[in-house]
Amino acid sequence: MGLDKINFKSQGAVYDKVFGEDSRGETPEERASTSIKVFVRSQIQLAFDNPRAKGRRLSAIEALNIFGWDILAGLADDDVVATVIYRDEPGKTIKERRIELGLSDAKVASSIKLDIESIRSLESNKKTIPIRHLEEIARLLSLNEDQLGLQQNSGADQYLGVRLRTLLGSQNEAPTNMSSSLVLGLSEAAWVIKRQLDLMRADLESPIIGPRKNGFVPNGNYAYPAWRQGLHLAHLTRELLGIGPHDPIANMKELVEHTLSIPVIQADLPGSFAGATIANGGRSRGIVLNLCGANSNVWVRRNTLAHELCHLLWDPTERLNQLRVDNFGDLDKDPFLGVSSSRDVVEIRANAFAAEFLAPQSAIMKLFVDCGSSSLTIQNVMNRYGISFTSAYWQAANSIGGTFDRSEMHNIDSQPTDDWVARESYTTDYFPLKNTPISRRGRFSRALIDAMEQGRISSDTVASCLNSTTEEVVAYAPVIKDLFN
């Protein structure tokens, strides 16, 4: 028997021990993709699954993707293999990232309901903690939880960290608990965005058709008047998406997440924060929406989402790589006047875009002619196009080149109809896993379920990401898929 055949036979025996004799293939990837073996991970080691294990259970292909064949091959000879490559990890990465974000260890501990001594012991590598706590810390700090201990910095986007810390300092001279909560909320949202896009890019059955492939080429034209550029981009966006010039947009969140494959992360965040565009490493960009404050009204939220969409579709890459945070006070303006406090042409353009994208002025002029009443026109605009009173008022006024007497508007109902609420909020309100954070109830959950059903991740990983149980995840997987069909 030749040496090559002996080596092949020997390698096959190793594959059998690691992936099971029922697995098939001549490479680790082929064997893992056909394996029914389950692995379990702790903070510092990897083993085959057993009934007593309390760590993170991983599918075979998931374990191979995380640890590589060199580590998995060790299980052919030993029941347990070490997974921490760097002796001062993962504590060093956790501590550096926390400091990079300008957060106290007490704030991180309280956010995941863990005692502060556990955080301090973890950061100094004095003791291990349950992998599930470690993963949640990593997600909160926008780290790749899979790479903790395997990769220094664990995939952290340093620029995002610096930008978030800058935001923390800009909230107050002495950062408050509220501003720390905002930074943590945005950091965790950045993790969801990157994780969702990574899952979608790995799903060969669902190729992404992103903004750039739909013909959206960055446009750095903010020339005076910037609002006119916003109107032009709104019309162009409708044309590229096949939306008629007078047609209402029934569901903004679905349009952005499904049609454009842009993650939209909704969360309960503090303060006057309305929305933001976030870049988290390379091409991983998404939108964060606050569900509190004025955005609790879905008509206002649609305007915020349209404003952020303008940034993400049309701002040049160098601007997209910045953290753009918008407050309610800056969005609640006449789009033609823009942001009075800063006269930021980028924001002026986005304000005008949002108003025109949702409710084109030419359509409003037609409604005004048909109605003959300013108050009735504005009410009809709100109901037909799903925009707030403020947006409807300024769009109507600008469409006729004048203003209206607000004293005549007292009978206008400024609350969205049940149909608008249902369309924009149903995936959040009717999400079946009640312990899942709101920030993870979007299309992110569908991407997880798809990956689980394809064997790329385990049901335990999905349950951990959604703060649920494996039993609930398996039981409600069809419901979650149906929500985002």
Protein backbone atom coordinates (compact mmCIF):
# COMPACT_ATOMS: atom_id res chain seq x y z
CA MET A 1 0.00 0.00 0.00
CA GLY A 2 1.43 3.38 -1.01
CA LEU A 3 2.24 6.13 1.51
CA ASP A 4 -0.48 8.40 0.14
CA LYS A 5 -3.12 5.68 0.66
CA ILE A 6 -1.88 5.07 4.21
CA ASN A 7 -2.06 8.80 5.00
CA PHE A 8 -5.52 9.04 3.44
CA LYS A 9 -6.76 6.09 5.49
CA SER A 10 -5.24 7.56 8.64
CA GLN A 11 -6.81 10.94 7.96
CA GLY A 12 -10.16 9.26 7.36
CA ALA A 13 -9.95 7.63 10.77
CA VAL A 14 -9.35 11.04 12.37
CA TYR A 15 -12.36 12.46 10.54
CA ASP A 16 -14.44 9.51 11.79
CA LYS A 17 -13.47 10.21 15.40
CA VAL A 18 -14.15 13.94 15.20
CA PHE A 19 -17.21 14.08 12.93
CA GLY A 20 -18.61 10.56 13.32
CA GLU A 21 -18.48 7.54 11.04
CA ASP A 22 -21.73 8.57 9.36
CA SER A 23 -20.18 11.78 8.01
CA ARG A 24 -19.00 11.78 4.41
CA GLY A 25 -16.32 13.62 2.43
CA GLU A 26 -12.61 13.98 1.91
CA THR A 27 -12.10 17.36 3.60
CA PRO A 28 -12.95 18.71 7.07
CA GLU A 29 -15.53 21.02 5.47
CA GLU A 30 -17.28 18.15 3.66
CA ARG A 31 -17.23 15.99 6.77
CA ALA A 32 -18.55 18.79 9.00
CA SER A 33 -21.38 19.63 6.62
CA THR A 34 -22.63 16.03 6.78
CA SER A 35 -21.95 15.48 10.48
CA ILE A 36 -24.61 15.21 13.19
CA LYS A 37 -22.02 15.59 15.93
CA VAL A 38 -22.58 18.34 18.48
CA PHE A 39 -19.72 20.10 20.28
CA VAL A 40 -19.77 22.14 23.45
CA ARG A 41 -17.65 25.17 24.25
CA SER A 42 -16.64 26.82 27.51
CA GLN A 43 -14.52 29.93 27.99
CA ILE A 44 -11.28 28.00 27.58
CA GLN A 45 -11.99 24.61 26.00
CA LEU A 46 -13.96 22.55 23.50
CA ALA A 47 -15.37 19.04 23.91
CA PHE A 48 -17.92 16.65 22.49
CA ASP A 49 -21.41 17.27 23.80
CA ASN A 50 -22.57 15.33 26.83
CA PRO A 51 -25.69 15.50 29.05
CA ARG A 52 -23.84 17.30 31.86
CA ALA A 53 -22.37 20.04 29.67
CA LYS A 54 -23.44 23.62 30.43
CA GLY A 55 -21.48 25.45 27.76
CA ARG A 56 -22.44 26.64 24.28
CA ARG A 57 -23.50 23.78 22.03
CA LEU A 58 -22.24 24.10 18.45
CA SER A 59 -23.02 22.30 15.22
CA ALA A 60 -20.11 20.57 13.51
CA ILE A 61 -19.74 23.14 10.73
CA GLU A 62 -20.12 25.95 13.28
CA ALA A 63 -17.33 24.50 15.45
CA LEU A 64 -15.08 24.07 12.41
CA ASN A 65 -15.70 27.63 11.23
CA ILE A 66 -14.91 29.04 14.67
CA PHE A 67 -11.93 26.95 15.73
CA GLY A 68 -10.48 25.52 12.55
CA TRP A 69 -9.41 21.96 11.85
CA ASP A 70 -6.16 22.11 13.81
CA ILE A 71 -8.05 22.54 17.10
CA LEU A 72 -10.90 20.15 16.25
CA ALA A 73 -8.44 17.44 15.22
CA GLY A 74 -7.21 17.34 18.81
CA LEU A 75 -10.51 15.75 19.82
CA ALA A 76 -9.50 12.60 17.96
CA ASP A 77 -7.01 11.88 20.78
CA ASP A 78 -8.40 13.81 23.76
CA ASP A 79 -11.85 14.36 25.24
CA VAL A 80 -11.16 18.08 25.67
CA VAL A 81 -8.95 20.55 23.81
CA ALA A 82 -7.88 24.05 24.85
CA THR A 83 -9.22 26.89 22.73
CA VAL A 84 -7.55 29.99 24.21
CA ILE A 85 -4.52 30.85 22.10
CA TYR A 86 -3.46 33.99 24.01
CA ARG A 87 -2.86 33.62 27.74
CA ASP A 88 -4.19 37.07 28.65
CA GLU A 89 -7.40 36.58 26.65
CA PRO A 90 -10.30 37.10 26.63
CA GLY A 91 -9.91 39.43 29.62
CA LYS A 92 -7.51 41.79 27.86
CA THR A 93 -9.85 42.33 24.90
CA ILE A 94 -12.91 42.82 27.12
CA LYS A 95 -11.16 45.41 29.29
CA GLU A 96 -9.61 47.31 26.38
CA ARG A 97 -12.92 47.45 24.55
CA ARG A 98 -14.80 48.65 27.64
CA ILE A 99 -12.27 51.43 28.18
CA GLU A 100 -12.30 52.24 24.45
CA LEU A 101 -16.05 52.82 24.73
CA GLY A 102 -15.62 54.97 27.83
CA LEU A 103 -17.70 52.65 30.02
CA SER A 104 -17.23 51.69 33.65
CA ASP A 105 -17.00 48.06 34.71
CA ALA A 106 -20.00 48.70 36.96
CA LYS A 107 -22.11 49.81 33.96
CA VAL A 108 -21.21 46.71 31.98
CA ALA A 109 -21.91 44.46 34.96
CA SER A 110 -25.31 45.98 35.66
CA SER A 111 -26.30 45.83 31.99
CA ILE A 112 -26.06 42.04 31.95
CA LYS A 113 -27.07 41.58 35.60
CA LEU A 114 -23.68 40.24 36.66
CA ASP A 115 -21.78 41.16 39.81
CA ILE A 116 -18.93 43.60 39.32
CA GLU A 117 -16.35 41.27 40.86
CA SER A 118 -16.98 38.75 38.09
CA ILE A 119 -16.26 41.43 35.49
CA ARG A 120 -13.08 42.48 37.27
CA SER A 121 -11.91 38.89 37.66
CA LEU A 122 -12.61 38.23 33.99
CA GLU A 123 -10.68 41.30 32.85
CA SER A 124 -7.68 40.35 34.99
CA ASN A 125 -7.94 36.67 33.93
CA LYS A 126 -8.13 35.55 37.55
CA LYS A 127 -11.07 33.23 36.91
CA THR A 128 -13.35 31.99 34.18
CA ILE A 129 -17.04 32.78 33.91
CA PRO A 130 -19.85 30.87 32.17
CA ILE A 131 -19.54 31.14 28.40
CA ARG A 132 -23.09 32.48 28.16
CA HIS A 133 -22.19 35.50 30.31
CA LEU A 134 -19.00 35.99 28.32
CA GLU A 135 -20.88 35.95 25.03
CA GLU A 136 -23.41 38.51 26.24
CA ILE A 137 -20.61 40.84 27.36
CA ALA A 138 -19.03 40.51 23.91
CA ARG A 139 -22.31 41.29 22.14
CA LEU A 140 -22.89 44.29 24.35
CA LEU A 141 -19.44 45.65 23.44
CA SER A 142 -19.85 44.83 19.73
CA LEU A 143 -17.19 42.11 19.77
CA ASN A 144 -17.25 38.84 17.85
CA GLU A 145 -18.14 36.43 20.64
CA ASP A 146 -16.99 33.44 18.58
CA GLN A 147 -13.41 34.72 18.47
CA LEU A 148 -12.93 35.49 22.16
CA GLY A 149 -9.62 33.92 23.21
CA LEU A 150 -8.82 32.99 19.62
CA GLN A 151 -8.21 36.44 18.19
CA GLN A 152 -6.82 39.53 19.88
CA ASN A 153 -9.39 42.35 19.80
CA SER A 154 -11.99 39.75 18.81
CA GLY A 155 -12.89 41.49 15.58
CA ALA A 156 -13.53 44.86 17.22
CA ASP A 157 -13.96 47.88 14.94
CA GLN A 158 -11.63 50.33 16.65
CA TYR A 159 -13.04 53.28 14.76
CA LEU A 160 -16.56 52.48 15.92
CA GLY A 161 -15.29 52.34 19.48
CA VAL A 162 -13.64 55.74 19.20
CA ARG A 163 -16.77 57.26 17.65
CA LEU A 164 -19.01 55.87 20.37
CA ARG A 165 -16.69 57.16 23.08
CA THR A 166 -16.75 60.57 21.41
CA LEU A 167 -20.54 60.44 21.47
CA LEU A 168 -20.44 59.61 25.18
CA GLY A 169 -18.27 62.63 25.87
CA SER A 170 -20.44 64.91 23.76
CA GLN A 171 -23.59 64.07 25.69
CA ASN A 172 -22.35 65.77 28.82
CA GLU A 173 -19.06 67.01 30.19
CA ALA A 174 -19.47 64.35 32.88
CA PRO A 175 -21.04 61.30 31.19
CA THR A 176 -24.33 60.28 32.78
CA ASN A 177 -25.95 56.90 33.15
CA MET A 178 -28.29 57.90 30.33
CA SER A 179 -25.46 58.66 27.91
CA SER A 180 -23.69 55.42 28.90
CA SER A 181 -26.91 53.53 28.19
CA LEU A 182 -27.09 55.12 24.73
CA VAL A 183 -23.52 54.09 23.93
CA LEU A 184 -24.21 50.53 25.10
CA GLY A 185 -27.43 50.43 23.07
CA LEU A 186 -25.65 51.60 19.92
CA SER A 187 -22.75 49.24 20.53
CA GLU A 188 -25.06 46.24 20.87
CA ALA A 189 -26.99 47.38 17.78
CA ALA A 190 -23.71 47.46 15.85
CA TRP A 191 -23.13 43.83 16.85
CA VAL A 192 -26.61 42.86 15.58
CA ILE A 193 -25.97 44.64 12.27
CA LYS A 194 -22.67 42.88 11.62
CA ARG A 195 -23.91 39.49 12.77
CA GLN A 196 -27.02 39.75 10.60
CA LEU A 197 -25.07 40.71 7.48
CA ASP A 198 -22.46 38.00 8.09
CA LEU A 199 -25.23 35.39 8.33
CA MET A 200 -26.89 36.66 5.16
CA ARG A 201 -23.63 36.76 3.20
CA ALA A 202 -22.92 33.15 4.18
CA ASP A 203 -26.40 32.05 3.05
CA LEU A 204 -25.82 31.05 -0.56
CA GLU A 205 -29.51 30.33 -1.01
CA SER A 206 -30.42 33.95 -0.32
CA PRO A 207 -27.99 36.21 -2.19
CA ILE A 208 -28.07 39.80 -1.03
CA ILE A 209 -29.20 42.48 -3.45
CA GLY A 210 -27.81 45.49 -1.65
CA PRO A 211 -28.12 49.23 -2.27
CA ARG A 212 -25.03 49.48 -4.46
CA LYS A 213 -26.30 46.66 -6.70
CA ASN A 214 -29.62 48.46 -7.06
CA GLY A 215 -27.97 51.46 -8.67
CA PHE A 216 -27.40 53.62 -5.62
CA VAL A 217 -24.04 55.26 -6.21
CA PRO A 218 -22.81 57.66 -3.47
CA ASN A 219 -23.58 61.29 -4.19
CA GLY A 220 -21.46 63.96 -2.54
CA ASN A 221 -23.41 66.90 -3.94
CA TYR A 222 -24.54 69.12 -1.04
CA ALA A 223 -24.51 72.29 -3.12
CA TYR A 224 -26.74 75.20 -2.12
CA PRO A 225 -29.61 74.85 -1.67
CA ALA A 226 -29.01 71.44 -0.09
CA TRP A 227 -32.73 70.78 0.22
CA ARG A 228 -33.03 70.79 -3.56
CA GLN A 229 -30.47 67.96 -3.71
CA GLY A 230 -32.59 66.06 -1.20
CA LEU A 231 -35.70 66.39 -3.38
CA HIS A 232 -33.78 65.16 -6.42
CA LEU A 233 -32.41 62.13 -4.56
CA ALA A 234 -35.87 61.29 -3.22
CA HIS A 235 -37.30 61.21 -6.75
CA LEU A 236 -34.34 59.17 -8.00
CA THR A 237 -34.71 56.68 -5.13
CA ARG A 238 -38.39 56.16 -5.91
CA GLU A 239 -37.50 55.58 -9.55
CA LEU A 240 -34.72 53.06 -8.76
CA LEU A 241 -37.04 51.15 -6.42
CA GLY A 242 -39.94 51.17 -8.88
CA ILE A 243 -42.22 53.27 -6.66
CA GLY A 244 -44.70 55.44 -8.54
CA PRO A 245 -44.28 59.23 -8.19
CA HIS A 246 -47.51 59.55 -6.15
CA ASP A 247 -47.65 56.11 -4.53
CA PRO A 248 -47.53 55.82 -0.72
CA ILE A 249 -44.89 53.58 0.84
CA ALA A 250 -46.90 51.06 2.85
CA ASN A 251 -44.08 49.74 5.05
CA MET A 252 -40.79 51.62 5.40
CA LYS A 253 -39.11 49.03 7.60
CA GLU A 254 -39.91 46.22 5.18
CA LEU A 255 -38.71 48.31 2.24
CA VAL A 256 -35.36 49.05 3.88
CA GLU A 257 -34.74 45.61 5.40
CA HIS A 258 -36.16 43.32 2.73
CA THR A 259 -35.86 45.18 -0.57
CA LEU A 260 -32.52 46.86 0.19
CA SER A 261 -31.09 44.29 2.64
CA ILE A 262 -30.17 47.05 5.09
CA PRO A 263 -30.45 45.98 8.74
CA VAL A 264 -32.87 48.13 10.75
CA ILE A 265 -32.34 47.75 14.48
CA GLN A 266 -35.12 49.04 16.72
CA ALA A 267 -34.41 49.57 20.40
CA ASP A 268 -35.63 51.35 23.50
CA LEU A 269 -32.96 54.01 23.89
CA PRO A 270 -32.76 57.05 26.16
CA GLY A 271 -32.77 60.78 25.63
CA SER A 272 -33.61 62.76 22.54
CA PHE A 273 -31.85 60.25 20.28
CA ALA A 274 -33.96 59.51 17.19
CA GLY A 275 -31.81 57.43 14.86
CA ALA A 276 -28.34 56.74 13.53
CA THR A 277 -26.43 55.09 10.74
CA ILE A 278 -23.70 52.76 11.98
CA ALA A 279 -20.72 51.26 10.18
CA ASN A 280 -19.23 48.27 11.99
CA GLY A 281 -16.21 47.00 10.13
CA GLY A 282 -15.97 47.18 6.35
CA ARG A 283 -19.30 46.80 4.58
CA SER A 284 -21.41 46.14 7.68
CA ARG A 285 -23.67 49.17 7.78
CA GLY A 286 -27.16 49.55 9.15
CA ILE A 287 -29.72 51.86 10.76
CA VAL A 288 -30.68 52.16 14.41
CA LEU A 289 -34.10 53.53 15.42
CA ASN A 290 -35.19 54.57 18.88
CA LEU A 291 -38.70 53.33 19.69
CA CYS A 292 -39.00 55.75 22.62
CA GLY A 293 -39.72 59.47 22.56
CA ALA A 294 -41.31 60.92 19.43
CA ASN A 295 -40.54 57.73 17.49
CA SER A 296 -43.16 55.88 19.52
CA ASN A 297 -45.49 57.39 16.89
CA VAL A 298 -44.91 55.20 13.82
CA TRP A 299 -45.46 58.17 11.51
CA VAL A 300 -42.54 59.98 13.15
CA ARG A 301 -40.52 56.78 13.09
CA ARG A 302 -41.06 56.41 9.34
CA ASN A 303 -39.66 59.90 8.83
CA THR A 304 -36.64 59.10 11.00
CA LEU A 305 -36.03 55.92 9.03
CA ALA A 306 -36.31 57.76 5.72
CA HIS A 307 -33.84 60.39 6.98
CA GLU A 308 -31.30 57.69 7.95
CA LEU A 309 -31.91 55.91 4.66
CA CYS A 310 -30.78 59.01 2.79
CA HIS A 311 -27.51 58.95 4.70
CA LEU A 312 -26.91 55.27 4.04
CA LEU A 313 -27.89 55.27 0.36
CA TRP A 314 -26.38 58.52 -0.78
CA ASP A 315 -23.69 59.85 1.56
CA PRO A 316 -20.13 59.13 0.34
CA THR A 317 -18.20 56.30 1.97
CA GLU A 318 -16.07 58.60 4.11
CA ARG A 319 -19.22 60.01 5.69
CA LEU A 320 -20.80 56.56 6.07
CA ASN A 321 -17.76 55.42 8.02
CA GLN A 322 -18.57 58.06 10.59
CA LEU A 323 -21.18 57.61 13.29
CA ARG A 324 -24.09 59.88 12.39
CA VAL A 325 -26.51 60.37 15.27
CA ASP A 326 -29.70 62.37 14.80
CA ASN A 327 -31.85 63.89 17.54
CA PHE A 328 -35.58 64.57 17.38
CA GLY A 329 -35.06 68.33 17.57
CA ASP A 330 -33.00 68.30 14.39
CA LEU A 331 -35.53 66.22 12.44
CA ASP A 332 -38.65 68.15 13.49
CA LYS A 333 -37.92 71.07 11.17
CA ASP A 334 -39.12 72.59 7.94
CA PRO A 335 -36.98 70.56 5.48
CA PHE A 336 -36.31 73.69 3.45
CA LEU A 337 -34.78 75.39 6.48
CA GLY A 338 -32.84 72.36 7.61
CA VAL A 339 -31.03 72.19 10.92
CA SER A 340 -31.11 75.67 12.36
CA SER A 341 -28.54 75.02 15.06
CA SER A 342 -25.73 73.85 12.80
CA ARG A 343 -26.81 74.50 9.21
CA ASP A 344 -25.33 71.10 8.44
CA VAL A 345 -25.91 70.63 4.71
CA VAL A 346 -25.74 66.84 5.11
CA GLU A 347 -28.69 66.96 7.52
CA ILE A 348 -30.58 69.54 5.45
CA ARG A 349 -30.36 67.25 2.43
CA ALA A 350 -31.50 64.22 4.46
CA ASN A 351 -34.43 66.14 5.99
CA ALA A 352 -35.70 67.20 2.57
CA PHE A 353 -35.15 63.69 1.20
CA ALA A 354 -37.20 62.09 3.98
CA ALA A 355 -40.18 64.39 3.52
CA GLU A 356 -40.21 64.12 -0.27
CA PHE A 357 -39.53 60.37 -0.37
CA LEU A 358 -42.51 59.64 1.87
CA ALA A 359 -44.93 62.31 0.58
CA PRO A 360 -44.00 63.92 -2.76
CA GLN A 361 -45.05 67.54 -3.05
CA SER A 362 -46.65 67.02 -6.46
CA ALA A 363 -49.00 64.46 -4.90
CA ILE A 364 -49.83 66.84 -2.05
CA MET A 365 -50.65 69.64 -4.49
CA LYS A 366 -53.16 67.36 -6.18
CA LEU A 367 -54.74 66.50 -2.82
CA PHE A 368 -54.94 70.20 -1.97
CA VAL A 369 -56.77 70.94 -5.20
CA ASP A 370 -59.17 68.05 -4.62
CA CYS A 371 -59.86 68.91 -0.96
CA GLY A 372 -59.90 72.70 -1.05
CA SER A 373 -59.27 72.83 2.70
CA SER A 374 -55.85 73.13 4.29
CA SER A 375 -56.75 71.14 7.40
CA LEU A 376 -58.45 68.38 5.41
CA THR A 377 -55.51 68.27 3.02
CA ILE A 378 -53.03 67.80 5.85
CA GLN A 379 -55.15 65.11 7.49
CA ASN A 380 -55.45 63.27 4.19
CA VAL A 381 -51.71 63.56 3.60
CA MET A 382 -51.00 62.05 7.03
CA ASN A 383 -53.44 59.18 6.52
CA ARG A 384 -52.44 58.42 2.93
CA TYR A 385 -48.65 58.77 3.21
CA GLY A 386 -48.06 57.82 6.84
CA ILE A 387 -46.25 60.95 7.99
CA SER A 388 -46.55 63.07 11.12
CA PHE A 389 -48.43 66.34 11.42
CA THR A 390 -45.21 68.36 11.35
CA SER A 391 -43.97 66.66 8.18
CA ALA A 392 -47.37 66.92 6.50
CA TYR A 393 -47.70 70.60 7.46
CA TRP A 394 -44.33 71.63 6.06
CA GLN A 395 -44.63 69.50 2.92
CA ALA A 396 -48.07 70.95 2.21
CA ALA A 397 -46.90 74.50 2.89
CA ASN A 398 -43.79 74.12 0.75
CA SER A 399 -45.77 72.53 -2.09
CA ILE A 400 -47.88 75.68 -2.48
CA GLY A 401 -45.09 78.08 -1.55
CA GLY A 402 -46.83 79.49 1.53
CA THR A 403 -47.96 78.71 5.06
CA PHE A 404 -51.19 77.69 6.73
CA ASP A 405 -52.95 79.08 9.78
CA ARG A 406 -52.20 76.52 12.49
CA SER A 407 -55.23 77.67 14.50
CA GLU A 408 -57.35 75.90 11.88
CA MET A 409 -55.59 72.60 12.54
CA HIS A 410 -57.00 71.84 16.00
CA ASN A 411 -59.32 69.09 14.71
CA ILE A 412 -56.53 67.10 13.04
CA ASP A 413 -55.91 63.66 14.55
CA SER A 414 -52.13 63.35 14.90
CA GLN A 415 -52.17 59.66 15.85
CA PRO A 416 -51.51 57.01 13.20
CA THR A 417 -54.33 54.74 12.17
CA ASP A 418 -54.34 51.10 13.28
CA ASP A 419 -53.33 49.98 9.78
CA TRP A 420 -50.15 52.07 9.86
CA VAL A 421 -49.25 50.86 13.35
CA ALA A 422 -49.81 47.23 12.39
CA ARG A 423 -47.68 47.44 9.25
CA GLU A 424 -44.70 49.16 10.84
CA SER A 425 -44.77 47.42 14.25
CA TYR A 426 -46.20 43.95 13.82
CA THR A 427 -42.87 42.11 13.67
CA THR A 428 -41.92 43.68 17.00
CA ASP A 429 -45.29 43.56 18.73
CA TYR A 430 -46.14 40.00 17.70
CA PHE A 431 -42.70 38.44 17.99
CA PRO A 432 -43.31 35.05 19.64
CA LEU A 433 -40.24 34.91 21.90
CA LYS A 434 -41.16 37.36 24.63
CA ASN A 435 -37.71 37.47 26.30
CA THR A 436 -35.93 38.43 23.08
CA PRO A 437 -34.60 42.01 23.25
CA ILE A 438 -36.42 44.37 20.90
CA SER A 439 -33.13 45.08 19.13
CA ARG A 440 -33.00 41.43 18.01
CA ARG A 441 -36.63 41.01 16.88
CA GLY A 442 -36.04 42.17 13.33
CA ARG A 443 -34.86 40.30 10.24
CA PHE A 444 -31.84 39.32 12.34
CA SER A 445 -34.01 36.61 13.93
CA ARG A 446 -34.96 35.25 10.50
CA ALA A 447 -31.29 35.12 9.46
CA LEU A 448 -30.54 33.08 12.58
CA ILE A 449 -33.37 30.63 11.91
CA ASP A 450 -32.27 30.18 8.29
CA ALA A 451 -28.69 29.48 9.41
CA MET A 452 -29.94 26.96 12.00
CA GLU A 453 -32.06 25.08 9.48
CA GLN A 454 -29.09 24.91 7.11
CA GLY A 455 -26.92 23.47 9.91
CA ARG A 456 -24.55 26.44 9.91
CA ILE A 457 -25.28 27.20 13.57
CA SER A 458 -26.91 25.25 16.37
CA SER A 459 -30.32 25.83 17.92
CA ASP A 460 -28.44 26.65 21.14
CA THR A 461 -26.61 29.49 19.39
CA VAL A 462 -29.91 30.85 18.08
CA ALA A 463 -31.44 30.60 21.55
CA SER A 464 -28.50 32.44 23.07
CA CYS A 465 -28.68 35.25 20.50
CA LEU A 466 -32.43 35.61 21.04
CA ASN A 467 -32.32 35.19 24.84
CA SER A 468 -34.58 32.18 24.62
CA THR A 469 -34.46 28.39 24.96
CA THR A 470 -33.71 25.80 22.32
CA GLU A 471 -37.19 24.34 22.79
CA GLU A 472 -38.83 27.70 22.10
CA VAL A 473 -36.58 28.39 19.12
CA VAL A 474 -37.44 25.08 17.44
CA ALA A 475 -41.15 25.42 18.25
CA TYR A 476 -41.49 28.99 16.99
CA ALA A 477 -39.07 28.86 14.04
CA PRO A 478 -41.94 28.61 11.51
CA VAL A 479 -43.67 31.61 13.09
CA ILE A 480 -40.51 33.73 12.93
CA LYS A 481 -39.93 32.76 9.29
CA ASP A 482 -43.52 33.66 8.46
CA LEU A 483 -43.17 37.10 10.08
CA PHE A 484 -40.43 38.01 7.62
CA ASN A 485 -41.62 36.31 4.44
